[in-house]
Full PDB file with SEQRES, HELIX, SHEET, SSBOND, CRYST1, ORIGX, SCALE, CONECT and MASTER records, all heavy atoms in Angstrom:
SEQRES   1 A   40  LYS CYS LEU THR GLU GLN LEU VAL SER GLU TYR GLN SER          
SEQRES   2 A   40  LYS LEU PRO ILE ALA ILE CYS ARG PRO SER ILE VAL ILE          
SEQRES   3 A   40  ALA ALA TRP LYS GLU PRO LEU PRO GLY TRP VAL ASP ASN          
SEQRES   4 A   40  LEU                                                          
HELIX    1 AA1 CYS A    2  SER A    9  1                                   8    
CRYST1    1.000    1.000    1.000  90.00  90.00  90.00 P 1           1          
ORIGX1      1.000000  0.000000  0.000000        0.00000                         
ORIGX2      0.000000  1.000000  0.000000        0.00000                         
ORIGX3      0.000000  0.000000  1.000000        0.00000                         
SCALE1      1.000000  0.000000  0.000000        0.00000                         
SCALE2      0.000000  1.000000  0.000000        0.00000                         
SCALE3      0.000000  0.000000  1.000000        0.00000                         
ATOM      1  N   LYS A   1      -4.177   9.925   4.840  1.00  0.00           N  
ATOM      2  CA  LYS A   1      -3.494   9.337   3.681  1.00  0.00           C  
ATOM      3  C   LYS A   1      -3.378  10.354   2.551  1.00  0.00           C  
ATOM      4  O   LYS A   1      -2.389  10.366   1.803  1.00  0.00           O  
ATOM      5  CB  LYS A   1      -4.238   8.094   3.214  1.00  0.00           C  
ATOM      6  CG  LYS A   1      -3.976   6.857   4.060  1.00  0.00           C  
ATOM      7  CD  LYS A   1      -2.520   6.429   3.977  1.00  0.00           C  
ATOM      8  CE  LYS A   1      -2.257   5.096   4.633  1.00  0.00           C  
ATOM      9  NZ  LYS A   1      -0.843   4.679   4.528  1.00  0.00           N  
ATOM     10  N   CYS A   2      -4.393  11.203   2.408  1.00  0.00           N  
ATOM     11  CA  CYS A   2      -4.346  12.271   1.407  1.00  0.00           C  
ATOM     12  C   CYS A   2      -3.232  13.263   1.745  1.00  0.00           C  
ATOM     13  O   CYS A   2      -2.436  13.641   0.877  1.00  0.00           O  
ATOM     14  CB  CYS A   2      -5.699  12.967   1.349  1.00  0.00           C  
ATOM     15  SG  CYS A   2      -5.786  14.335   0.179  1.00  0.00           S  
ATOM     16  N   LEU A   3      -3.169  13.689   3.006  1.00  0.00           N  
ATOM     17  CA  LEU A   3      -2.095  14.584   3.439  1.00  0.00           C  
ATOM     18  C   LEU A   3      -0.729  13.957   3.209  1.00  0.00           C  
ATOM     19  O   LEU A   3       0.213  14.618   2.741  1.00  0.00           O  
ATOM     20  CB  LEU A   3      -2.254  14.906   4.932  1.00  0.00           C  
ATOM     21  CG  LEU A   3      -3.476  15.695   5.392  1.00  0.00           C  
ATOM     22  CD1 LEU A   3      -3.455  15.820   6.911  1.00  0.00           C  
ATOM     23  CD2 LEU A   3      -3.512  17.074   4.758  1.00  0.00           C  
ATOM     24  N   THR A   4      -0.622  12.665   3.520  1.00  0.00           N  
ATOM     25  CA  THR A   4       0.670  11.990   3.476  1.00  0.00           C  
ATOM     26  C   THR A   4       1.193  11.865   2.051  1.00  0.00           C  
ATOM     27  O   THR A   4       2.406  11.971   1.821  1.00  0.00           O  
ATOM     28  CB  THR A   4       0.557  10.607   4.134  1.00  0.00           C  
ATOM     29  OG1 THR A   4       0.044  10.753   5.452  1.00  0.00           O  
ATOM     30  CG2 THR A   4       1.909   9.922   4.200  1.00  0.00           C  
ATOM     31  N   GLU A   5       0.308  11.658   1.100  1.00  0.00           N  
ATOM     32  CA  GLU A   5       0.763  11.582  -0.296  1.00  0.00           C  
ATOM     33  C   GLU A   5       1.463  12.878  -0.712  1.00  0.00           C  
ATOM     34  O   GLU A   5       2.498  12.845  -1.385  1.00  0.00           O  
ATOM     35  CB  GLU A   5      -0.417  11.297  -1.228  1.00  0.00           C  
ATOM     36  CG  GLU A   5      -0.755   9.836  -1.351  1.00  0.00           C  
ATOM     37  CD  GLU A   5      -1.565   9.534  -2.602  1.00  0.00           C  
ATOM     38  OE1 GLU A   5      -1.745  10.445  -3.441  1.00  0.00           O  
ATOM     39  OE2 GLU A   5      -2.021   8.392  -2.749  1.00  0.00           O  
ATOM     40  N   GLN A   6       0.891  14.016  -0.334  1.00  0.00           N  
ATOM     41  CA  GLN A   6       1.538  15.280  -0.691  1.00  0.00           C  
ATOM     42  C   GLN A   6       2.872  15.425   0.025  1.00  0.00           C  
ATOM     43  O   GLN A   6       3.858  15.907  -0.551  1.00  0.00           O  
ATOM     44  CB  GLN A   6       0.634  16.463  -0.346  1.00  0.00           C  
ATOM     45  CG  GLN A   6       1.257  17.815  -0.679  1.00  0.00           C  
ATOM     46  CD  GLN A   6       0.259  18.942  -0.687  1.00  0.00           C  
ATOM     47  OE1 GLN A   6      -0.862  18.797  -1.171  1.00  0.00           O  
ATOM     48  NE2 GLN A   6       0.649  20.085  -0.135  1.00  0.00           N  
ATOM     49  N   LEU A   7       2.913  14.982   1.288  1.00  0.00           N  
ATOM     50  CA  LEU A   7       4.165  15.045   2.037  1.00  0.00           C  
ATOM     51  C   LEU A   7       5.236  14.200   1.355  1.00  0.00           C  
ATOM     52  O   LEU A   7       6.391  14.630   1.214  1.00  0.00           O  
ATOM     53  CB  LEU A   7       3.925  14.559   3.461  1.00  0.00           C  
ATOM     54  CG  LEU A   7       5.102  14.650   4.431  1.00  0.00           C  
ATOM     55  CD1 LEU A   7       5.463  16.106   4.709  1.00  0.00           C  
ATOM     56  CD2 LEU A   7       4.774  13.934   5.733  1.00  0.00           C  
ATOM     57  N   VAL A   8       4.877  13.000   0.919  1.00  0.00           N  
ATOM     58  CA  VAL A   8       5.825  12.120   0.233  1.00  0.00           C  
ATOM     59  C   VAL A   8       6.318  12.762  -1.059  1.00  0.00           C  
ATOM     60  O   VAL A   8       7.508  12.684  -1.397  1.00  0.00           O  
ATOM     61  CB  VAL A   8       5.173  10.750  -0.043  1.00  0.00           C  
ATOM     62  CG1 VAL A   8       6.067   9.899  -0.942  1.00  0.00           C  
ATOM     63  CG2 VAL A   8       4.897  10.015   1.258  1.00  0.00           C  
ATOM     64  N   SER A   9       5.420  13.413  -1.775  1.00  0.00           N  
ATOM     65  CA  SER A   9       5.799  14.020  -3.055  1.00  0.00           C  
ATOM     66  C   SER A   9       6.829  15.135  -2.884  1.00  0.00           C  
ATOM     67  O   SER A   9       7.566  15.460  -3.815  1.00  0.00           O  
ATOM     68  CB  SER A   9       4.553  14.561  -3.761  1.00  0.00           C  
ATOM     69  OG  SER A   9       4.022  15.697  -3.082  1.00  0.00           O  
ATOM     70  N   GLU A  10       6.881  15.739  -1.690  1.00  0.00           N  
ATOM     71  CA  GLU A  10       7.856  16.800  -1.445  1.00  0.00           C  
ATOM     72  C   GLU A  10       9.291  16.267  -1.441  1.00  0.00           C  
ATOM     73  O   GLU A  10      10.240  17.041  -1.540  1.00  0.00           O  
ATOM     74  CB  GLU A  10       7.550  17.494  -0.117  1.00  0.00           C  
ATOM     75  CG  GLU A  10       6.223  18.243  -0.107  1.00  0.00           C  
ATOM     76  CD  GLU A  10       5.893  18.834   1.262  1.00  0.00           C  
ATOM     77  OE1 GLU A  10       6.752  18.719   2.177  1.00  0.00           O  
ATOM     78  OE2 GLU A  10       4.797  19.394   1.427  1.00  0.00           O  
ATOM     79  N   TYR A  11       9.446  14.957  -1.326  1.00  0.00           N  
ATOM     80  CA  TYR A  11      10.777  14.340  -1.275  1.00  0.00           C  
ATOM     81  C   TYR A  11      11.176  13.715  -2.614  1.00  0.00           C  
ATOM     82  O   TYR A  11      12.173  13.012  -2.693  1.00  0.00           O  
ATOM     83  CB  TYR A  11      10.816  13.264  -0.183  1.00  0.00           C  
ATOM     84  CG  TYR A  11      10.872  13.825   1.220  1.00  0.00           C  
ATOM     85  CD1 TYR A  11       9.753  14.376   1.809  1.00  0.00           C  
ATOM     86  CD2 TYR A  11      12.054  13.803   1.953  1.00  0.00           C  
ATOM     87  CE1 TYR A  11       9.788  14.895   3.097  1.00  0.00           C  
ATOM     88  CE2 TYR A  11      12.115  14.314   3.246  1.00  0.00           C  
ATOM     89  CZ  TYR A  11      10.973  14.865   3.812  1.00  0.00           C  
ATOM     90  OH  TYR A  11      11.026  15.379   5.082  1.00  0.00           O  
ATOM     91  N   GLN A  12      10.394  13.964  -3.663  1.00  0.00           N  
ATOM     92  CA  GLN A  12      10.665  13.284  -4.933  1.00  0.00           C  
ATOM     93  C   GLN A  12      11.970  13.728  -5.588  1.00  0.00           C  
ATOM     94  O   GLN A  12      12.518  13.009  -6.433  1.00  0.00           O  
ATOM     95  CB  GLN A  12       9.489  13.489  -5.898  1.00  0.00           C  
ATOM     96  CG  GLN A  12       9.138  14.924  -6.192  1.00  0.00           C  
ATOM     97  CD  GLN A  12       7.815  15.042  -6.936  1.00  0.00           C  
ATOM     98  OE1 GLN A  12       7.186  14.051  -7.296  1.00  0.00           O  
ATOM     99  NE2 GLN A  12       7.385  16.260  -7.173  1.00  0.00           N  
ATOM    100  N   SER A  13      12.485  14.876  -5.203  1.00  0.00           N  
ATOM    101  CA  SER A  13      13.785  15.292  -5.740  1.00  0.00           C  
ATOM    102  C   SER A  13      14.946  14.692  -4.942  1.00  0.00           C  
ATOM    103  O   SER A  13      16.092  14.700  -5.399  1.00  0.00           O  
ATOM    104  CB  SER A  13      13.891  16.821  -5.733  1.00  0.00           C  
ATOM    105  OG  SER A  13      13.798  17.320  -4.402  1.00  0.00           O  
ATOM    106  N   LYS A  14      14.639  14.159  -3.743  1.00  0.00           N  
ATOM    107  CA  LYS A  14      15.675  13.587  -2.883  1.00  0.00           C  
ATOM    108  C   LYS A  14      15.730  12.070  -2.962  1.00  0.00           C  
ATOM    109  O   LYS A  14      16.793  11.477  -2.763  1.00  0.00           O  
ATOM    110  CB  LYS A  14      15.437  14.006  -1.424  1.00  0.00           C  
ATOM    111  CG  LYS A  14      15.406  15.510  -1.206  1.00  0.00           C  
ATOM    112  CD  LYS A  14      15.070  15.828   0.250  1.00  0.00           C  
ATOM    113  CE  LYS A  14      14.982  17.331   0.479  1.00  0.00           C  
ATOM    114  NZ  LYS A  14      14.630  17.663   1.894  1.00  0.00           N  
ATOM    115  N   LEU A  15      14.568  11.448  -3.204  1.00  0.00           N  
ATOM    116  CA  LEU A  15      14.482   9.994  -3.203  1.00  0.00           C  
ATOM    117  C   LEU A  15      13.745   9.514  -4.449  1.00  0.00           C  
ATOM    118  O   LEU A  15      12.833  10.205  -4.948  1.00  0.00           O  
ATOM    119  CB  LEU A  15      13.714   9.514  -1.963  1.00  0.00           C  
ATOM    120  CG  LEU A  15      14.333   9.768  -0.586  1.00  0.00           C  
ATOM    121  CD1 LEU A  15      13.286   9.525   0.504  1.00  0.00           C  
ATOM    122  CD2 LEU A  15      15.540   8.874  -0.374  1.00  0.00           C  
ATOM    123  N   PRO A  16      14.102   8.321  -4.968  1.00  0.00           N  
ATOM    124  CA  PRO A  16      13.306   7.717  -6.052  1.00  0.00           C  
ATOM    125  C   PRO A  16      12.032   7.113  -5.458  1.00  0.00           C  
ATOM    126  O   PRO A  16      12.084   6.072  -4.804  1.00  0.00           O  
ATOM    127  CB  PRO A  16      14.233   6.640  -6.615  1.00  0.00           C  
ATOM    128  CG  PRO A  16      15.180   6.339  -5.496  1.00  0.00           C  
ATOM    129  CD  PRO A  16      15.297   7.542  -4.638  1.00  0.00           C  
ATOM    130  N   ILE A  17      10.902   7.780  -5.657  1.00  0.00           N  
ATOM    131  CA  ILE A  17       9.675   7.444  -4.933  1.00  0.00           C  
ATOM    132  C   ILE A  17       8.643   6.836  -5.860  1.00  0.00           C  
ATOM    133  O   ILE A  17       8.439   7.280  -7.003  1.00  0.00           O  
ATOM    134  CB  ILE A  17       9.090   8.707  -4.256  1.00  0.00           C  
ATOM    135  CG1 ILE A  17       9.978   9.122  -3.081  1.00  0.00           C  
ATOM    136  CG2 ILE A  17       7.656   8.477  -3.780  1.00  0.00           C  
ATOM    137  CD1 ILE A  17       9.580  10.419  -2.439  1.00  0.00           C  
ATOM    138  N   ALA A  18       7.979   5.796  -5.347  1.00  0.00           N  
ATOM    139  CA  ALA A  18       6.806   5.217  -6.001  1.00  0.00           C  
ATOM    140  C   ALA A  18       5.685   5.149  -4.958  1.00  0.00           C  
ATOM    141  O   ALA A  18       5.912   4.750  -3.817  1.00  0.00           O  
ATOM    142  CB  ALA A  18       7.111   3.828  -6.548  1.00  0.00           C  
ATOM    143  N   ILE A  19       4.492   5.552  -5.358  1.00  0.00           N  
ATOM    144  CA  ILE A  19       3.336   5.525  -4.467  1.00  0.00           C  
ATOM    145  C   ILE A  19       2.376   4.448  -4.957  1.00  0.00           C  
ATOM    146  O   ILE A  19       1.962   4.455  -6.119  1.00  0.00           O  
ATOM    147  CB  ILE A  19       2.632   6.896  -4.423  1.00  0.00           C  
ATOM    148  CG1 ILE A  19       3.560   7.944  -3.815  1.00  0.00           C  
ATOM    149  CG2 ILE A  19       1.335   6.816  -3.629  1.00  0.00           C  
ATOM    150  CD1 ILE A  19       3.007   9.354  -3.829  1.00  0.00           C  
ATOM    151  N   CYS A  20       2.054   3.528  -4.064  1.00  0.00           N  
ATOM    152  CA  CYS A  20       1.160   2.411  -4.390  1.00  0.00           C  
ATOM    153  C   CYS A  20      -0.173   2.635  -3.689  1.00  0.00           C  
ATOM    154  O   CYS A  20      -0.202   2.838  -2.467  1.00  0.00           O  
ATOM    155  CB  CYS A  20       1.806   1.103  -3.935  1.00  0.00           C  
ATOM    156  SG  CYS A  20       0.763  -0.352  -4.101  1.00  0.00           S  
ATOM    157  N   ARG A  21      -1.277   2.578  -4.445  1.00  0.00           N  
ATOM    158  CA  ARG A  21      -2.616   2.824  -3.884  1.00  0.00           C  
ATOM    159  C   ARG A  21      -3.493   1.572  -4.004  1.00  0.00           C  
ATOM    160  O   ARG A  21      -4.259   1.435  -4.961  1.00  0.00           O  
ATOM    161  CB  ARG A  21      -3.303   3.968  -4.624  1.00  0.00           C  
ATOM    162  CG  ARG A  21      -2.691   5.341  -4.472  1.00  0.00           C  
ATOM    163  CD  ARG A  21      -3.462   6.315  -5.339  1.00  0.00           C  
ATOM    164  NE  ARG A  21      -2.979   7.678  -5.267  1.00  0.00           N  
ATOM    165  CZ  ARG A  21      -3.099   8.551  -6.266  1.00  0.00           C  
ATOM    166  NH1 ARG A  21      -3.671   8.174  -7.412  1.00  0.00           N  
ATOM    167  NH2 ARG A  21      -2.665   9.788  -6.121  1.00  0.00           N  
ATOM    168  N   PRO A  22      -3.421   0.661  -3.049  1.00  0.00           N  
ATOM    169  CA  PRO A  22      -4.340  -0.488  -3.093  1.00  0.00           C  
ATOM    170  C   PRO A  22      -5.760  -0.054  -2.723  1.00  0.00           C  
ATOM    171  O   PRO A  22      -5.961   0.892  -1.967  1.00  0.00           O  
ATOM    172  CB  PRO A  22      -3.768  -1.436  -2.025  1.00  0.00           C  
ATOM    173  CG  PRO A  22      -2.433  -0.874  -1.656  1.00  0.00           C  
ATOM    174  CD  PRO A  22      -2.491   0.577  -1.934  1.00  0.00           C  
ATOM    175  N   SER A  23      -6.746  -0.775  -3.247  1.00  0.00           N  
ATOM    176  CA  SER A  23      -8.120  -0.542  -2.821  1.00  0.00           C  
ATOM    177  C   SER A  23      -8.381  -1.376  -1.570  1.00  0.00           C  
ATOM    178  O   SER A  23      -7.488  -1.554  -0.748  1.00  0.00           O  
ATOM    179  CB  SER A  23      -9.102  -0.872  -3.956  1.00  0.00           C  
ATOM    180  OG  SER A  23      -9.003  -2.231  -4.338  1.00  0.00           O  
ATOM    181  N   ILE A  24      -9.566  -1.925  -1.391  1.00  0.00           N  
ATOM    182  CA  ILE A  24      -9.879  -2.706  -0.195  1.00  0.00           C  
ATOM    183  C   ILE A  24      -9.162  -4.052  -0.286  1.00  0.00           C  
ATOM    184  O   ILE A  24      -9.403  -4.835  -1.205  1.00  0.00           O  
ATOM    185  CB  ILE A  24     -11.395  -2.906  -0.067  1.00  0.00           C  
ATOM    186  CG1 ILE A  24     -12.099  -1.546   0.020  1.00  0.00           C  
ATOM    187  CG2 ILE A  24     -11.727  -3.745   1.155  1.00  0.00           C  
ATOM    188  CD1 ILE A  24     -13.616  -1.633  -0.010  1.00  0.00           C  
ATOM    189  N   VAL A  25      -8.269  -4.324   0.662  1.00  0.00           N  
ATOM    190  CA  VAL A  25      -7.443  -5.540   0.635  1.00  0.00           C  
ATOM    191  C   VAL A  25      -8.137  -6.636   1.437  1.00  0.00           C  
ATOM    192  O   VAL A  25      -8.504  -6.436   2.599  1.00  0.00           O  
ATOM    193  CB  VAL A  25      -6.038  -5.257   1.205  1.00  0.00           C  
ATOM    194  CG1 VAL A  25      -5.181  -6.514   1.145  1.00  0.00           C  
ATOM    195  CG2 VAL A  25      -5.368  -4.119   0.436  1.00  0.00           C  
ATOM    196  N   ILE A  26      -8.309  -7.790   0.811  1.00  0.00           N  
ATOM    197  CA  ILE A  26      -9.028  -8.904   1.440  1.00  0.00           C  
ATOM    198  C   ILE A  26      -8.153 -10.155   1.474  1.00  0.00           C  
ATOM    199  O   ILE A  26      -6.961 -10.090   1.186  1.00  0.00           O  
ATOM    200  CB  ILE A  26     -10.366  -9.181   0.709  1.00  0.00           C  
ATOM    201  CG1 ILE A  26     -10.112  -9.457  -0.776  1.00  0.00           C  
ATOM    202  CG2 ILE A  26     -11.318  -8.013   0.869  1.00  0.00           C  
ATOM    203  CD1 ILE A  26     -11.372  -9.853  -1.543  1.00  0.00           C  
ATOM    204  N   ALA A  27      -8.737 -11.275   1.819  1.00  0.00           N  
ATOM    205  CA  ALA A  27      -7.991 -12.519   2.064  1.00  0.00           C  
ATOM    206  C   ALA A  27      -7.180 -12.961   0.850  1.00  0.00           C  
ATOM    207  O   ALA A  27      -7.483 -12.626  -0.300  1.00  0.00           O  
ATOM    208  CB  ALA A  27      -8.959 -13.624   2.471  1.00  0.00           C  
ATOM    209  N   ALA A  28      -6.149 -13.761   1.124  1.00  0.00           N  
ATOM    210  CA  ALA A  28      -5.242 -14.230   0.072  1.00  0.00           C  
ATOM    211  C   ALA A  28      -5.970 -15.100  -0.945  1.00  0.00           C  
ATOM    212  O   ALA A  28      -6.848 -15.890  -0.597  1.00  0.00           O  
ATOM    213  CB  ALA A  28      -4.092 -15.014   0.690  1.00  0.00           C  
ATOM    214  N   TRP A  29      -5.573 -14.945  -2.184  1.00  0.00           N  
ATOM    215  CA  TRP A  29      -6.131 -15.753  -3.276  1.00  0.00           C  
ATOM    216  C   TRP A  29      -5.377 -17.088  -3.365  1.00  0.00           C  
ATOM    217  O   TRP A  29      -5.967 -18.157  -3.278  1.00  0.00           O  
ATOM    218  CB  TRP A  29      -6.026 -14.957  -4.570  1.00  0.00           C  
ATOM    219  CG  TRP A  29      -6.456 -15.667  -5.815  1.00  0.00           C  
ATOM    220  CD1 TRP A  29      -7.342 -16.696  -5.911  1.00  0.00           C  
ATOM    221  CD2 TRP A  29      -6.025 -15.380  -7.151  1.00  0.00           C  
ATOM    222  NE1 TRP A  29      -7.490 -17.084  -7.229  1.00  0.00           N  
ATOM    223  CE2 TRP A  29      -6.701 -16.281  -8.012  1.00  0.00           C  
ATOM    224  CE3 TRP A  29      -5.160 -14.455  -7.707  1.00  0.00           C  
ATOM    225  CZ2 TRP A  29      -6.514 -16.277  -9.397  1.00  0.00           C  
ATOM    226  CZ3 TRP A  29      -4.981 -14.439  -9.084  1.00  0.00           C  
ATOM    227  CH2 TRP A  29      -5.656 -15.346  -9.907  1.00  0.00           C  
ATOM    228  N   LYS A  30      -4.049 -17.031  -3.495  1.00  0.00           N  
ATOM    229  CA  LYS A  30      -3.239 -18.240  -3.654  1.00  0.00           C  
ATOM    230  C   LYS A  30      -2.181 -18.374  -2.569  1.00  0.00           C  
ATOM    231  O   LYS A  30      -1.953 -19.475  -2.046  1.00  0.00           O  
ATOM    232  CB  LYS A  30      -2.537 -18.231  -5.015  1.00  0.00           C  
ATOM    233  CG  LYS A  30      -3.471 -18.217  -6.223  1.00  0.00           C  
ATOM    234  CD  LYS A  30      -2.641 -18.159  -7.507  1.00  0.00           C  
ATOM    235  CE  LYS A  30      -3.507 -18.096  -8.750  1.00  0.00           C  
ATOM    236  NZ  LYS A  30      -2.688 -18.005  -9.987  1.00  0.00           N  
ATOM    237  N   GLU A  31      -1.483 -17.281  -2.273  1.00  0.00           N  
ATOM    238  CA  GLU A  31      -0.318 -17.332  -1.392  1.00  0.00           C  
ATOM    239  C   GLU A  31      -0.450 -16.327  -0.261  1.00  0.00           C  
ATOM    240  O   GLU A  31      -1.139 -15.309  -0.413  1.00  0.00           O  
ATOM    241  CB  GLU A  31       0.969 -17.032  -2.187  1.00  0.00           C  
ATOM    242  CG  GLU A  31       1.267 -17.997  -3.301  1.00  0.00           C  
ATOM    243  CD  GLU A  31       2.473 -17.551  -4.125  1.00  0.00           C  
ATOM    244  OE1 GLU A  31       2.866 -16.366  -4.049  1.00  0.00           O  
ATOM    245  OE2 GLU A  31       3.012 -18.390  -4.855  1.00  0.00           O  
ATOM    246  N   PRO A  32       0.240 -16.566   0.848  1.00  0.00           N  
ATOM    247  CA  PRO A  32       1.029 -17.768   1.192  1.00  0.00           C  
ATOM    248  C   PRO A  32       0.155 -18.971   1.528  1.00  0.00           C  
ATOM    249  O   PRO A  32       0.591 -20.107   1.433  1.00  0.00           O  
ATOM    250  CB  PRO A  32       1.832 -17.319   2.407  1.00  0.00           C  
ATOM    251  CG  PRO A  32       0.978 -16.260   3.029  1.00  0.00           C  
ATOM    252  CD  PRO A  32       0.275 -15.562   1.908  1.00  0.00           C  
ATOM    253  N   LEU A  33      -1.109 -18.697   1.934  1.00  0.00           N  
ATOM    254  CA  LEU A  33      -2.092 -19.750   2.181  1.00  0.00           C  
ATOM    255  C   LEU A  33      -3.417 -19.280   1.597  1.00  0.00           C  
ATOM    256  O   LEU A  33      -3.859 -18.175   1.901  1.00  0.00           O  
ATOM    257  CB  LEU A  33      -2.250 -20.003   3.691  1.00  0.00           C  
ATOM    258  CG  LEU A  33      -1.013 -20.471   4.466  1.00  0.00           C  
ATOM    259  CD1 LEU A  33      -1.251 -20.337   5.964  1.00  0.00           C  
ATOM    260  CD2 LEU A  33      -0.687 -21.907   4.103  1.00  0.00           C  
ATOM    261  N   PRO A  34      -4.065 -20.069   0.771  1.00  0.00           N  
ATOM    262  CA  PRO A  34      -5.350 -19.649   0.209  1.00  0.00           C  
ATOM    263  C   PRO A  34      -6.349 -19.310   1.316  1.00  0.00           C  
ATOM    264  O   PRO A  34      -6.555 -20.083   2.249  1.00  0.00           O  
ATOM    265  CB  PRO A  34      -5.804 -20.874  -0.596  1.00  0.00           C  
ATOM    266  CG  PRO A  34      -4.539 -21.591  -0.935  1.00  0.00           C  
ATOM    267  CD  PRO A  34      -3.632 -21.388   0.238  1.00  0.00           C  
ATOM    268  N   GLY A  35      -6.937 -18.128   1.221  1.00  0.00           N  
ATOM    269  CA  GLY A  35      -7.928 -17.705   2.200  1.00  0.00           C  
ATOM    270  C   GLY A  35      -7.361 -17.099   3.460  1.00  0.00           C  
ATOM    271  O   GLY A  35      -8.121 -16.719   4.355  1.00  0.00           O  
ATOM    272  N   TRP A  36      -6.029 -16.964   3.573  1.00  0.00           N  
ATOM    273  CA  TRP A  36      -5.461 -16.447   4.815  1.00  0.00           C  
ATOM    274  C   TRP A  36      -5.838 -14.989   5.030  1.00  0.00           C  
ATOM    275  O   TRP A  36      -5.726 -14.147   4.146  1.00  0.00           O  
ATOM    276  CB  TRP A  36      -3.941 -16.577   4.812  1.00  0.00           C  
ATOM    277  CG  TRP A  36      -3.344 -16.060   6.099  1.00  0.00           C  
ATOM    278  CD1 TRP A  36      -3.272 -16.728   7.287  1.00  0.00           C  
ATOM    279  CD2 TRP A  36      -2.762 -14.782   6.315  1.00  0.00           C  
ATOM    280  NE1 TRP A  36      -2.688 -15.926   8.237  1.00  0.00           N  
ATOM    281  CE2 TRP A  36      -2.373 -14.731   7.669  1.00  0.00           C  
ATOM    282  CE3 TRP A  36      -2.558 -13.663   5.497  1.00  0.00           C  
ATOM    283  CZ2 TRP A  36      -1.766 -13.608   8.228  1.00  0.00           C  
ATOM    284  CZ3 TRP A  36      -1.963 -12.538   6.054  1.00  0.00           C  
ATOM    285  CH2 TRP A  36      -1.569 -12.525   7.405  1.00  0.00           C  
ATOM    286  N   VAL A  37      -6.292 -14.681   6.231  1.00  0.00           N  
ATOM    287  CA  VAL A  37      -6.609 -13.322   6.651  1.00  0.00           C  
ATOM    288  C   VAL A  37      -6.487 -13.298   8.172  1.00  0.00           C  
ATOM    289  O   VAL A  37      -6.820 -14.277   8.840  1.00  0.00           O  
ATOM    290  CB  VAL A  37      -8.023 -12.904   6.178  1.00  0.00           C  
ATOM    291  CG1 VAL A  37      -9.093 -13.819   6.753  1.00  0.00           C  
ATOM    292  CG2 VAL A  37      -8.328 -11.448   6.517  1.00  0.00           C  
ATOM    293  N   ASP A  38      -5.989 -12.204   8.715  1.00  0.00           N  
ATOM    294  CA  ASP A  38      -5.738 -12.177  10.166  1.00  0.00           C  
ATOM    295  C   ASP A  38      -6.407 -11.005  10.873  1.00  0.00           C  
ATOM    296  O   ASP A  38      -6.021 -10.641  11.983  1.00  0.00           O  
ATOM    297  CB  ASP A  38      -4.233 -12.151  10.445  1.00  0.00           C  
ATOM    298  CG  ASP A  38      -3.596 -10.818  10.064  1.00  0.00           C  
ATOM    299  OD1 ASP A  38      -4.235 -10.032   9.336  1.00  0.00           O  
ATOM    300  OD2 ASP A  38      -2.450 -10.553  10.488  1.00  0.00           O  
ATOM    301  N   ASN A  39      -7.422 -10.400  10.237  1.00  0.00           N  
ATOM    302  CA  ASN A  39      -8.088  -9.265  10.870  1.00  0.00           C  
ATOM    303  C   ASN A  39      -9.556  -9.246  10.470  1.00  0.00           C  
ATOM    304  O   ASN A  39      -9.983  -9.967   9.561  1.00  0.00           O  
ATOM    305  CB  ASN A  39      -7.413  -7.946  10.468  1.00  0.00           C  
ATOM    306  CG  ASN A  39      -7.492  -7.696   8.979  1.00  0.00           C  
ATOM    307  OD1 ASN A  39      -8.516  -7.294   8.447  1.00  0.00           O  
ATOM    308  ND2 ASN A  39      -6.383  -7.946   8.264  1.00  0.00           N  
ATOM    309  N   LEU A  40     -10.327  -8.425  11.169  1.00  0.00           N  
ATOM    310  CA  LEU A  40     -11.765  -8.331  10.912  1.00  0.00           C  
ATOM    311  C   LEU A  40     -12.127  -7.028  10.215  1.00  0.00           C  
ATOM    312  O   LEU A  40     -13.271  -6.570  10.279  1.00  0.00           O  
ATOM    313  CB  LEU A  40     -12.539  -8.436  12.240  1.00  0.00           C  
ATOM    314  CG  LEU A  40     -12.329  -9.726  13.036  1.00  0.00           C  
ATOM    315  CD1 LEU A  40     -13.158  -9.705  14.312  1.00  0.00           C  
ATOM    316  CD2 LEU A  40     -12.667 -10.947  12.207  1.00  0.00           C  
TER     317      LEU A  40                                                      
MASTER        0    0    0    1    0    0    0    6  316    1    0    4          
END                                                                             
């Protein structure tokens, strides 16, 4: 993921780029179903 961020940045003159960095993603709070999670 560290390598890939730099790779993506190399295209910033060609594409309008936004990089989103979520932390640890867990079960749904409200939507689409409260508590929904499909992995361990």
